Amino acid sequence: MEARQDFKESLECFNANEVRYLIIGAFALAWHGHPRYTGDMDIYIDPAPANASRVLAALADFGFGSLGLSLADFETPDRVVQLGVAPRISPTSRRSGSDS
């Protein structure tokens, strides 16, 4: 599965801002040899307050600074934010299948 340029650029912004994240969903499956079509790139975001600040900075660098997103959007457990239109970027603090 070839990553879209905007997906790559968003991850570059996350890395530059030292965001703690994991790629989950279909992109993670593809990395491990089980590709399937997807309409978005799911990213688990560590909901710690300091990390939420880094997420906002990264999204501003990526061009989403004017959306009015807040720290609560990334600190609140089980929250999903969808950015753009499909194929879109979907940062989430939800950990499906996890006890913690």
PDB file of N, CA and C in Angstrom:
ATOM      1  N   MET A   1       0.860  -1.169   0.000  1.00  0.00           N
ATOM      2  CA  MET A   1       0.000   0.000   0.000  1.00  0.00           C
ATOM      3  C   MET A   1       0.905   1.229   0.000  1.00  0.00           C
ATOM      4  N   GLU A   2       0.767   2.071  -0.989  1.00  0.00           N
ATOM      5  CA  GLU A   2       1.556   3.287  -1.103  1.00  0.00           C
ATOM      6  C   GLU A   2       0.887   4.393  -0.286  1.00  0.00           C
ATOM      7  N   ALA A   3       1.649   5.003   0.588  1.00  0.00           N
ATOM      8  CA  ALA A   3       1.104   6.075   1.424  1.00  0.00           C
ATOM      9  C   ALA A   3       0.943   7.338   0.589  1.00  0.00           C
ATOM     10  N   ARG A   4      -0.145   8.030   0.814  1.00  0.00           N
ATOM     11  CA  ARG A   4      -0.378   9.305   0.139  1.00  0.00           C
ATOM     12  C   ARG A   4       0.600  10.346   0.669  1.00  0.00           C
ATOM     13  N   GLN A   5       0.931  11.316  -0.165  1.00  0.00           N
ATOM     14  CA  GLN A   5       1.886  12.353   0.216  1.00  0.00           C
ATOM     15  C   GLN A   5       1.423  13.112   1.457  1.00  0.00           C
ATOM     16  N   ASP A   6       0.110  13.416   1.549  1.00  0.00           N
ATOM     17  CA  ASP A   6      -0.359  14.157   2.728  1.00  0.00           C
ATOM     18  C   ASP A   6      -0.249  13.312   3.996  1.00  0.00           C
ATOM     19  N   PHE A   7      -0.397  12.000   3.890  1.00  0.00           N
ATOM     20  CA  PHE A   7      -0.190  11.141   5.055  1.00  0.00           C
ATOM     21  C   PHE A   7       1.267  11.229   5.505  1.00  0.00           C
ATOM     22  N   LYS A   8       2.182  11.150   4.540  1.00  0.00           N
ATOM     23  CA  LYS A   8       3.604  11.245   4.868  1.00  0.00           C
ATOM     24  C   LYS A   8       3.923  12.588   5.525  1.00  0.00           C
ATOM     25  N   GLU A   9       3.395  13.666   4.960  1.00  0.00           N
ATOM     26  CA  GLU A   9       3.673  15.001   5.498  1.00  0.00           C
ATOM     27  C   GLU A   9       3.098  15.171   6.898  1.00  0.00           C
ATOM     28  N   SER A  10       1.919  14.602   7.144  1.00  0.00           N
ATOM     29  CA  SER A  10       1.336  14.718   8.491  1.00  0.00           C
ATOM     30  C   SER A  10       2.219  14.008   9.512  1.00  0.00           C
ATOM     31  N   LEU A  11       2.739  12.834   9.154  1.00  0.00           N
ATOM     32  CA  LEU A  11       3.619  12.107  10.072  1.00  0.00           C
ATOM     33  C   LEU A  11       4.944  12.840  10.266  1.00  0.00           C
ATOM     34  N   GLU A  12       5.436  13.494   9.228  1.00  0.00           N
ATOM     35  CA  GLU A  12       6.642  14.313   9.376  1.00  0.00           C
ATOM     36  C   GLU A  12       6.407  15.436  10.388  1.00  0.00           C
ATOM     37  N   CYS A  13       5.226  16.054  10.345  1.00  0.00           N
ATOM     38  CA  CYS A  13       4.887  17.102  11.322  1.00  0.00           C
ATOM     39  C   CYS A  13       4.780  16.513  12.726  1.00  0.00           C
ATOM     40  N   PHE A  14       4.166  15.334  12.853  1.00  0.00           N
ATOM     41  CA  PHE A  14       4.089  14.681  14.164  1.00  0.00           C
ATOM     42  C   PHE A  14       5.491  14.400  14.693  1.00  0.00           C
ATOM     43  N   ASN A  15       6.356  13.868  13.844  1.00  0.00           N
ATOM     44  CA  ASN A  15       7.719  13.547  14.272  1.00  0.00           C
ATOM     45  C   ASN A  15       8.497  14.802  14.645  1.00  0.00           C
ATOM     46  N   ALA A  16       8.371  15.863  13.851  1.00  0.00           N
ATOM     47  CA  ALA A  16       9.092  17.110  14.127  1.00  0.00           C
ATOM     48  C   ALA A  16       8.671  17.718  15.460  1.00  0.00           C
ATOM     49  N   ASN A  17       7.402  17.487  15.861  1.00  0.00           N
ATOM     50  CA  ASN A  17       6.889  18.022  17.119  1.00  0.00           C
ATOM     51  C   ASN A  17       6.945  17.005  18.255  1.00  0.00           C
ATOM     52  N   GLU A  18       7.582  15.865  18.001  1.00  0.00           N
ATOM     53  CA  GLU A  18       7.764  14.809  19.000  1.00  0.00           C
ATOM     54  C   GLU A  18       6.448  14.303  19.593  1.00  0.00           C
ATOM     55  N   VAL A  19       5.438  14.165  18.724  1.00  0.00           N
ATOM     56  CA  VAL A  19       4.143  13.617  19.133  1.00  0.00           C
ATOM     57  C   VAL A  19       4.306  12.123  19.395  1.00  0.00           C
ATOM     58  N   ARG A  20       3.711  11.663  20.482  1.00  0.00           N
ATOM     59  CA  ARG A  20       3.685  10.225  20.789  1.00  0.00           C
ATOM     60  C   ARG A  20       2.436   9.649  20.122  1.00  0.00           C
ATOM     61  N   TYR A  21       2.648   8.772  19.132  1.00  0.00           N
ATOM     62  CA  TYR A  21       1.538   8.214  18.365  1.00  0.00           C
ATOM     63  C   TYR A  21       1.889   6.816  17.878  1.00  0.00           C
ATOM     64  N   LEU A  22       0.860   6.100  17.464  1.00  0.00           N
ATOM     65  CA  LEU A  22       1.008   4.795  16.814  1.00  0.00           C
ATOM     66  C   LEU A  22       0.109   4.777  15.586  1.00  0.00           C
ATOM     67  N   ILE A  23       0.608   4.257  14.501  1.00  0.00           N
ATOM     68  CA  ILE A  23      -0.245   4.036  13.337  1.00  0.00           C
ATOM     69  C   ILE A  23      -0.978   2.729  13.584  1.00  0.00           C
ATOM     70  N   ILE A  24      -2.301   2.768  13.476  1.00  0.00           N
ATOM     71  CA  ILE A  24      -3.139   1.601  13.729  1.00  0.00           C
ATOM     72  C   ILE A  24      -4.023   1.361  12.507  1.00  0.00           C
ATOM     73  N   GLY A  25      -4.846   0.351  12.541  1.00  0.00           N
ATOM     74  CA  GLY A  25      -5.789   0.107  11.459  1.00  0.00           C
ATOM     75  C   GLY A  25      -5.134  -0.485  10.223  1.00  0.00           C
ATOM     76  N   ALA A  26      -5.695  -0.165   9.052  1.00  0.00           N
ATOM     77  CA  ALA A  26      -5.280  -0.788   7.794  1.00  0.00           C
ATOM     78  C   ALA A  26      -3.826  -0.493   7.431  1.00  0.00           C
ATOM     79  N   PHE A  27      -3.332   0.704   7.757  1.00  0.00           N
ATOM     80  CA  PHE A  27      -1.930   0.998   7.443  1.00  0.00           C
ATOM     81  C   PHE A  27      -0.996   0.126   8.269  1.00  0.00           C
ATOM     82  N   ALA A  28      -1.349  -0.129   9.512  1.00  0.00           N
ATOM     83  CA  ALA A  28      -0.534  -1.028  10.343  1.00  0.00           C
ATOM     84  C   ALA A  28      -0.592  -2.450   9.790  1.00  0.00           C
ATOM     85  N   LEU A  29      -1.775  -2.892   9.376  1.00  0.00           N
ATOM     86  CA  LEU A  29      -1.897  -4.223   8.772  1.00  0.00           C
ATOM     87  C   LEU A  29      -1.043  -4.339   7.514  1.00  0.00           C
ATOM     88  N   ALA A  30      -1.076  -3.304   6.670  1.00  0.00           N
ATOM     89  CA  ALA A  30      -0.299  -3.327   5.431  1.00  0.00           C
ATOM     90  C   ALA A  30       1.192  -3.422   5.725  1.00  0.00           C
ATOM     91  N   TRP A  31       1.638  -2.715   6.742  1.00  0.00           N
ATOM     92  CA  TRP A  31       3.057  -2.754   7.121  1.00  0.00           C
ATOM     93  C   TRP A  31       3.479  -4.179   7.481  1.00  0.00           C
ATOM     94  N   HIS A  32       2.541  -4.922   8.051  1.00  0.00           N
ATOM     95  CA  HIS A  32       2.834  -6.291   8.478  1.00  0.00           C
ATOM     96  C   HIS A  32       2.430  -7.332   7.432  1.00  0.00           C
ATOM     97  N   GLY A  33       2.207  -6.886   6.185  1.00  0.00           N
ATOM     98  CA  GLY A  33       1.992  -7.818   5.089  1.00  0.00           C
ATOM     99  C   GLY A  33       0.563  -8.221   4.818  1.00  0.00           C
ATOM    100  N   HIS A  34      -0.405  -7.502   5.366  1.00  0.00           N
ATOM    101  CA  HIS A  34      -1.815  -7.829   5.152  1.00  0.00           C
ATOM    102  C   HIS A  34      -2.558  -6.602   4.633  1.00  0.00           C
ATOM    103  N   PRO A  35      -2.245  -6.145   3.412  1.00  0.00           N
ATOM    104  CA  PRO A  35      -2.861  -4.913   2.913  1.00  0.00           C
ATOM    105  C   PRO A  35      -4.353  -5.070   2.658  1.00  0.00           C
ATOM    106  N   ARG A  36      -5.067  -3.996   2.911  1.00  0.00           N
ATOM    107  CA  ARG A  36      -6.486  -3.908   2.562  1.00  0.00           C
ATOM    108  C   ARG A  36      -6.803  -2.448   2.304  1.00  0.00           C
ATOM    109  N   TYR A  37      -7.812  -2.205   1.469  1.00  0.00           N
ATOM    110  CA  TYR A  37      -8.181  -0.835   1.133  1.00  0.00           C
ATOM    111  C   TYR A  37      -8.711  -0.127   2.370  1.00  0.00           C
ATOM    112  N   THR A  38      -8.389   1.151   2.478  1.00  0.00           N
ATOM    113  CA  THR A  38      -8.918   1.960   3.570  1.00  0.00           C
ATOM    114  C   THR A  38      -9.175   3.373   3.085  1.00  0.00           C
ATOM    115  N   GLY A  39     -10.097   4.047   3.722  1.00  0.00           N
ATOM    116  CA  GLY A  39     -10.409   5.428   3.381  1.00  0.00           C
ATOM    117  C   GLY A  39      -9.745   6.426   4.297  1.00  0.00           C
ATOM    118  N   ASP A  40      -8.918   5.945   5.230  1.00  0.00           N
ATOM    119  CA  ASP A  40      -8.264   6.884   6.134  1.00  0.00           C
ATOM    120  C   ASP A  40      -7.008   6.266   6.732  1.00  0.00           C
ATOM    121  N   MET A  41      -6.240   7.093   7.417  1.00  0.00           N
ATOM    122  CA  MET A  41      -5.080   6.620   8.163  1.00  0.00           C
ATOM    123  C   MET A  41      -5.398   6.842   9.638  1.00  0.00           C
ATOM    124  N   ASP A  42      -5.564   5.749  10.367  1.00  0.00           N
ATOM    125  CA  ASP A  42      -5.890   5.818  11.790  1.00  0.00           C
ATOM    126  C   ASP A  42      -4.609   5.958  12.597  1.00  0.00           C
ATOM    127  N   ILE A  43      -4.604   6.923  13.503  1.00  0.00           N
ATOM    128  CA  ILE A  43      -3.432   7.197  14.329  1.00  0.00           C
ATOM    129  C   ILE A  43      -3.877   7.264  15.782  1.00  0.00           C
ATOM    130  N   TYR A  44      -3.324   6.374  16.623  1.00  0.00           N
ATOM    131  CA  TYR A  44      -3.590   6.469  18.058  1.00  0.00           C
ATOM    132  C   TYR A  44      -2.695   7.566  18.619  1.00  0.00           C
ATOM    133  N   ILE A  45      -3.302   8.486  19.370  1.00  0.00           N
ATOM    134  CA  ILE A  45      -2.597   9.604  19.993  1.00  0.00           C
ATOM    135  C   ILE A  45      -2.567   9.375  21.499  1.00  0.00           C
ATOM    136  N   ASP A  46      -1.385   9.434  22.093  1.00  0.00           N
ATOM    137  CA  ASP A  46      -1.269   9.381  23.552  1.00  0.00           C
ATOM    138  C   ASP A  46      -2.010  10.599  24.111  1.00  0.00           C
ATOM    139  N   PRO A  47      -3.052  10.390  24.960  1.00  0.00           N
ATOM    140  CA  PRO A  47      -3.868  11.507  25.430  1.00  0.00           C
ATOM    141  C   PRO A  47      -3.260  12.323  26.571  1.00  0.00           C
ATOM    142  N   ALA A  48      -1.998  12.135  26.902  1.00  0.00           N
ATOM    143  CA  ALA A  48      -1.357  12.928  27.957  1.00  0.00           C
ATOM    144  C   ALA A  48      -1.395  14.412  27.574  1.00  0.00           C
ATOM    145  N   PRO A  49      -1.630  15.300  28.559  1.00  0.00           N
ATOM    146  CA  PRO A  49      -1.737  16.735  28.255  1.00  0.00           C
ATOM    147  C   PRO A  49      -0.551  17.304  27.466  1.00  0.00           C
ATOM    148  N   ALA A  50       0.666  16.950  27.831  1.00  0.00           N
ATOM    149  CA  ALA A  50       1.832  17.475  27.106  1.00  0.00           C
ATOM    150  C   ALA A  50       1.821  17.006  25.655  1.00  0.00           C
ATOM    151  N   ASN A  51       1.373  15.779  25.423  1.00  0.00           N
ATOM    152  CA  ASN A  51       1.317  15.265  24.057  1.00  0.00           C
ATOM    153  C   ASN A  51       0.215  15.954  23.262  1.00  0.00           C
ATOM    154  N   ALA A  52      -0.910  16.244  23.906  1.00  0.00           N
ATOM    155  CA  ALA A  52      -2.002  16.940  23.223  1.00  0.00           C
ATOM    156  C   ALA A  52      -1.522  18.292  22.700  1.00  0.00           C
ATOM    157  N   SER A  53      -0.695  18.982  23.463  1.00  0.00           N
ATOM    158  CA  SER A  53      -0.124  20.259  23.011  1.00  0.00           C
ATOM    159  C   SER A  53       0.746  20.057  21.778  1.00  0.00           C
ATOM    160  N   ARG A  54       1.513  18.988  21.776  1.00  0.00           N
ATOM    161  CA  ARG A  54       2.367  18.695  20.621  1.00  0.00           C
ATOM    162  C   ARG A  54       1.529  18.342  19.389  1.00  0.00           C
ATOM    163  N   VAL A  55       0.411  17.644  19.609  1.00  0.00           N
ATOM    164  CA  VAL A  55      -0.486  17.312  18.491  1.00  0.00           C
ATOM    165  C   VAL A  55      -1.023  18.592  17.859  1.00  0.00           C
ATOM    166  N   LEU A  56      -1.486  19.525  18.692  1.00  0.00           N
ATOM    167  CA  LEU A  56      -2.013  20.787  18.159  1.00  0.00           C
ATOM    168  C   LEU A  56      -0.945  21.536  17.369  1.00  0.00           C
ATOM    169  N   ALA A  57       0.286  21.557  17.870  1.00  0.00           N
ATOM    170  CA  ALA A  57       1.380  22.226  17.155  1.00  0.00           C
ATOM    171  C   ALA A  57       1.648  21.537  15.819  1.00  0.00           C
ATOM    172  N   ALA A  58       1.650  20.208  15.815  1.00  0.00           N
ATOM    173  CA  ALA A  58       1.892  19.458  14.580  1.00  0.00           C
ATOM    174  C   ALA A  58       0.786  19.708  13.561  1.00  0.00           C
ATOM    175  N   LEU A  59      -0.461  19.725  14.020  1.00  0.00           N
ATOM    176  CA  LEU A  59      -1.575  19.960  13.102  1.00  0.00           C
ATOM    177  C   LEU A  59      -1.545  21.381  12.559  1.00  0.00           C
ATOM    178  N   ALA A  60      -1.115  22.343  13.373  1.00  0.00           N
ATOM    179  CA  ALA A  60      -0.957  23.722  12.887  1.00  0.00           C
ATOM    180  C   ALA A  60       0.121  23.766  11.807  1.00  0.00           C
ATOM    181  N   ASP A  61       1.235  23.076  12.041  1.00  0.00           N
ATOM    182  CA  ASP A  61       2.307  23.019  11.044  1.00  0.00           C
ATOM    183  C   ASP A  61       1.821  22.374   9.748  1.00  0.00           C
ATOM    184  N   PHE A  62       0.924  21.415   9.874  1.00  0.00           N
ATOM    185  CA  PHE A  62       0.405  20.683   8.716  1.00  0.00           C
ATOM    186  C   PHE A  62      -0.657  21.480   7.956  1.00  0.00           C
ATOM    187  N   GLY A  63      -1.190  22.545   8.575  1.00  0.00           N
ATOM    188  CA  GLY A  63      -2.177  23.381   7.906  1.00  0.00           C
ATOM    189  C   GLY A  63      -3.573  23.313   8.481  1.00  0.00           C
ATOM    190  N   PHE A  64      -3.750  22.617   9.602  1.00  0.00           N
ATOM    191  CA  PHE A  64      -5.061  22.501  10.232  1.00  0.00           C
ATOM    192  C   PHE A  64      -5.192  23.394  11.467  1.00  0.00           C
ATOM    193  N   GLY A  65      -4.374  24.426  11.579  1.00  0.00           N
ATOM    194  CA  GLY A  65      -4.402  25.296  12.747  1.00  0.00           C
ATOM    195  C   GLY A  65      -5.665  26.117  12.888  1.00  0.00           C
ATOM    196  N   SER A  66      -6.384  26.346  11.799  1.00  0.00           N
ATOM    197  CA  SER A  66      -7.569  27.203  11.839  1.00  0.00           C
ATOM    198  C   SER A  66      -8.860  26.443  12.130  1.00  0.00           C
ATOM    199  N   LEU A  67      -8.770  25.160  12.459  1.00  0.00           N
ATOM    200  CA  LEU A  67      -9.980  24.356  12.677  1.00  0.00           C
ATOM    201  C   LEU A  67     -10.626  24.570  14.036  1.00  0.00           C
ATOM    202  N   GLY A  68      -9.930  25.226  14.953  1.00  0.00           N
ATOM    203  CA  GLY A  68     -10.490  25.443  16.283  1.00  0.00           C
ATOM    204  C   GLY A  68     -10.404  24.222  17.180  1.00  0.00           C
ATOM    205  N   LEU A  69      -9.476  23.318  16.891  1.00  0.00           N
ATOM    206  CA  LEU A  69      -9.285  22.151  17.753  1.00  0.00           C
ATOM    207  C   LEU A  69      -8.684  22.597  19.079  1.00  0.00           C
ATOM    208  N   SER A  70      -8.996  21.856  20.142  1.00  0.00           N
ATOM    209  CA  SER A  70      -8.517  22.218  21.478  1.00  0.00           C
ATOM    210  C   SER A  70      -7.757  21.053  22.101  1.00  0.00           C
ATOM    211  N   LEU A  71      -7.107  21.326  23.223  1.00  0.00           N
ATOM    212  CA  LEU A  71      -6.422  20.265  23.961  1.00  0.00           C
ATOM    213  C   LEU A  71      -7.379  19.136  24.305  1.00  0.00           C
ATOM    214  N   ALA A  72      -8.614  19.482  24.681  1.00  0.00           N
ATOM    215  CA  ALA A  72      -9.607  18.473  25.065  1.00  0.00           C
ATOM    216  C   ALA A  72      -9.889  17.492  23.930  1.00  0.00           C
ATOM    217  N   ASP A  73      -9.749  17.941  22.682  1.00  0.00           N
ATOM    218  CA  ASP A  73      -9.978  17.046  21.545  1.00  0.00           C
ATOM    219  C   ASP A  73      -8.991  15.888  21.524  1.00  0.00           C
ATOM    220  N   PHE A  74      -7.827  16.057  22.167  1.00  0.00           N
ATOM    221  CA  PHE A  74      -6.801  15.024  22.144  1.00  0.00           C
ATOM    222  C   PHE A  74      -6.457  14.478  23.521  1.00  0.00           C
ATOM    223  N   GLU A  75      -7.022  15.072  24.580  1.00  0.00           N
ATOM    224  CA  GLU A  75      -6.815  14.570  25.946  1.00  0.00           C
ATOM    225  C   GLU A  75      -7.946  13.663  26.405  1.00  0.00           C
ATOM    226  N   THR A  76      -9.100  13.784  25.783  1.00  0.00           N
ATOM    227  CA  THR A  76     -10.286  13.048  26.193  1.00  0.00           C
ATOM    228  C   THR A  76     -10.217  11.610  25.683  1.00  0.00           C
ATOM    229  N   PRO A  77     -10.317  10.621  26.591  1.00  0.00           N
ATOM    230  CA  PRO A  77     -10.304   9.219  26.144  1.00  0.00           C
ATOM    231  C   PRO A  77     -11.462   8.928  25.186  1.00  0.00           C
ATOM    232  N   ASP A  78     -11.227   8.029  24.265  1.00  0.00           N
ATOM    233  CA  ASP A  78     -12.233   7.560  23.310  1.00  0.00           C
ATOM    234  C   ASP A  78     -12.756   8.652  22.382  1.00  0.00           C
ATOM    235  N   ARG A  79     -11.928   9.612  22.060  1.00  0.00           N
ATOM    236  CA  ARG A  79     -12.307  10.685  21.130  1.00  0.00           C
ATOM    237  C   ARG A  79     -11.655  10.409  19.781  1.00  0.00           C
ATOM    238  N   VAL A  80     -12.408  10.622  18.702  1.00  0.00           N
ATOM    239  CA  VAL A  80     -11.878  10.490  17.346  1.00  0.00           C
ATOM    240  C   VAL A  80     -12.066  11.830  16.645  1.00  0.00           C
ATOM    241  N   VAL A  81     -11.028  12.326  16.001  1.00  0.00           N
ATOM    242  CA  VAL A  81     -11.087  13.549  15.207  1.00  0.00           C
ATOM    243  C   VAL A  81     -10.808  13.143  13.765  1.00  0.00           C
ATOM    244  N   GLN A  82     -11.682  13.538  12.844  1.00  0.00           N
ATOM    245  CA  GLN A  82     -11.452  13.214  11.437  1.00  0.00           C
ATOM    246  C   GLN A  82     -11.056  14.489  10.709  1.00  0.00           C
ATOM    247  N   LEU A  83      -9.912  14.435  10.027  1.00  0.00           N
ATOM    248  CA  LEU A  83      -9.359  15.597   9.343  1.00  0.00           C
ATOM    249  C   LEU A  83      -9.399  15.381   7.842  1.00  0.00           C
ATOM    250  N   GLY A  84     -10.049  16.283   7.126  1.00  0.00           N
ATOM    251  CA  GLY A  84     -10.116  16.196   5.674  1.00  0.00           C
ATOM    252  C   GLY A  84     -11.245  15.308   5.202  1.00  0.00           C
ATOM    253  N   VAL A  85     -11.219  15.010   3.912  1.00  0.00           N
ATOM    254  CA  VAL A  85     -12.198  14.108   3.306  1.00  0.00           C
ATOM    255  C   VAL A  85     -11.468  12.835   2.909  1.00  0.00           C
ATOM    256  N   ALA A  86     -12.210  11.776   2.746  1.00  0.00           N
ATOM    257  CA  ALA A  86     -11.583  10.483   2.446  1.00  0.00           C
ATOM    258  C   ALA A  86     -10.763  10.572   1.167  1.00  0.00           C
ATOM    259  N   PRO A  87      -9.566  10.018   1.183  1.00  0.00           N
ATOM    260  CA  PRO A  87      -8.918   9.390   2.336  1.00  0.00           C
ATOM    261  C   PRO A  87      -8.433  10.445   3.318  1.00  0.00           C
ATOM    262  N   ARG A  88      -8.774  10.283   4.564  1.00  0.00           N
ATOM    263  CA  ARG A  88      -8.514  11.298   5.586  1.00  0.00           C
ATOM    264  C   ARG A  88      -7.585  10.777   6.665  1.00  0.00           C
ATOM    265  N   ILE A  89      -7.160  11.690   7.524  1.00  0.00           N
ATOM    266  CA  ILE A  89      -6.336  11.368   8.682  1.00  0.00           C
ATOM    267  C   ILE A  89      -7.255  11.368   9.894  1.00  0.00           C
ATOM    268  N   SER A  90      -7.202  10.314  10.706  1.00  0.00           N
ATOM    269  CA  SER A  90      -8.106  10.173  11.853  1.00  0.00           C
ATOM    270  C   SER A  90      -7.331   9.924  13.139  1.00  0.00           C
ATOM    271  N   PRO A  91      -6.881  11.004  13.812  1.00  0.00           N
ATOM    272  CA  PRO A  91      -6.247  10.807  15.116  1.00  0.00           C
ATOM    273  C   PRO A  91      -7.290  10.410  16.161  1.00  0.00           C
ATOM    274  N   THR A  92      -6.960   9.476  17.020  1.00  0.00           N
ATOM    275  CA  THR A  92      -7.897   8.997  18.028  1.00  0.00           C
ATOM    276  C   THR A  92      -7.184   8.712  19.340  1.00  0.00           C
ATOM    277  N   SER A  93      -7.908   8.863  20.436  1.00  0.00           N
ATOM    278  CA  SER A  93      -7.390   8.428  21.741  1.00  0.00           C
ATOM    279  C   SER A  93      -8.061   7.126  22.156  1.00  0.00           C
ATOM    280  N   ARG A  94      -8.861   6.538  21.242  1.00  0.00           N
ATOM    281  CA  ARG A  94      -9.564   5.277  21.510  1.00  0.00           C
ATOM    282  C   ARG A  94      -8.622   4.116  21.240  1.00  0.00           C
ATOM    283  N   ARG A  95      -8.596   3.174  22.162  1.00  0.00           N
ATOM    284  CA  ARG A  95      -7.771   1.981  21.984  1.00  0.00           C
ATOM    285  C   ARG A  95      -8.684   0.768  21.960  1.00  0.00           C
ATOM    286  N   SER A  96      -9.257   0.469  20.827  1.00  0.00           N
ATOM    287  CA  SER A  96     -10.142  -0.682  20.691  1.00  0.00           C
ATOM    288  C   SER A  96      -9.406  -1.960  21.044  1.00  0.00           C
ATOM    289  N   GLY A  97     -10.077  -2.823  21.791  1.00  0.00           N
ATOM    290  CA  GLY A  97      -9.492  -4.096  22.158  1.00  0.00           C
ATOM    291  C   GLY A  97      -8.474  -4.011  23.270  1.00  0.00           C
ATOM    292  N   SER A  98      -8.417  -2.882  23.936  1.00  0.00           N
ATOM    293  CA  SER A  98      -7.446  -2.695  25.017  1.00  0.00           C
ATOM    294  C   SER A  98      -8.175  -2.552  26.337  1.00  0.00           C
ATOM    295  N   ASP A  99      -7.619  -3.135  27.378  1.00  0.00           N
ATOM    296  CA  ASP A  99      -8.222  -3.017  28.701  1.00  0.00           C
ATOM    297  C   ASP A  99      -7.845  -1.718  29.391  1.00  0.00           C
ATOM    298  N   SER A 100      -6.786  -1.059  28.930  1.00  0.00           N
ATOM    299  CA  SER A 100      -6.346   0.164  29.609  1.00  0.00           C
ATOM    300  C   SER A 100      -6.462   1.366  28.722  1.00  0.00           C
TER     301      SER A 100
END
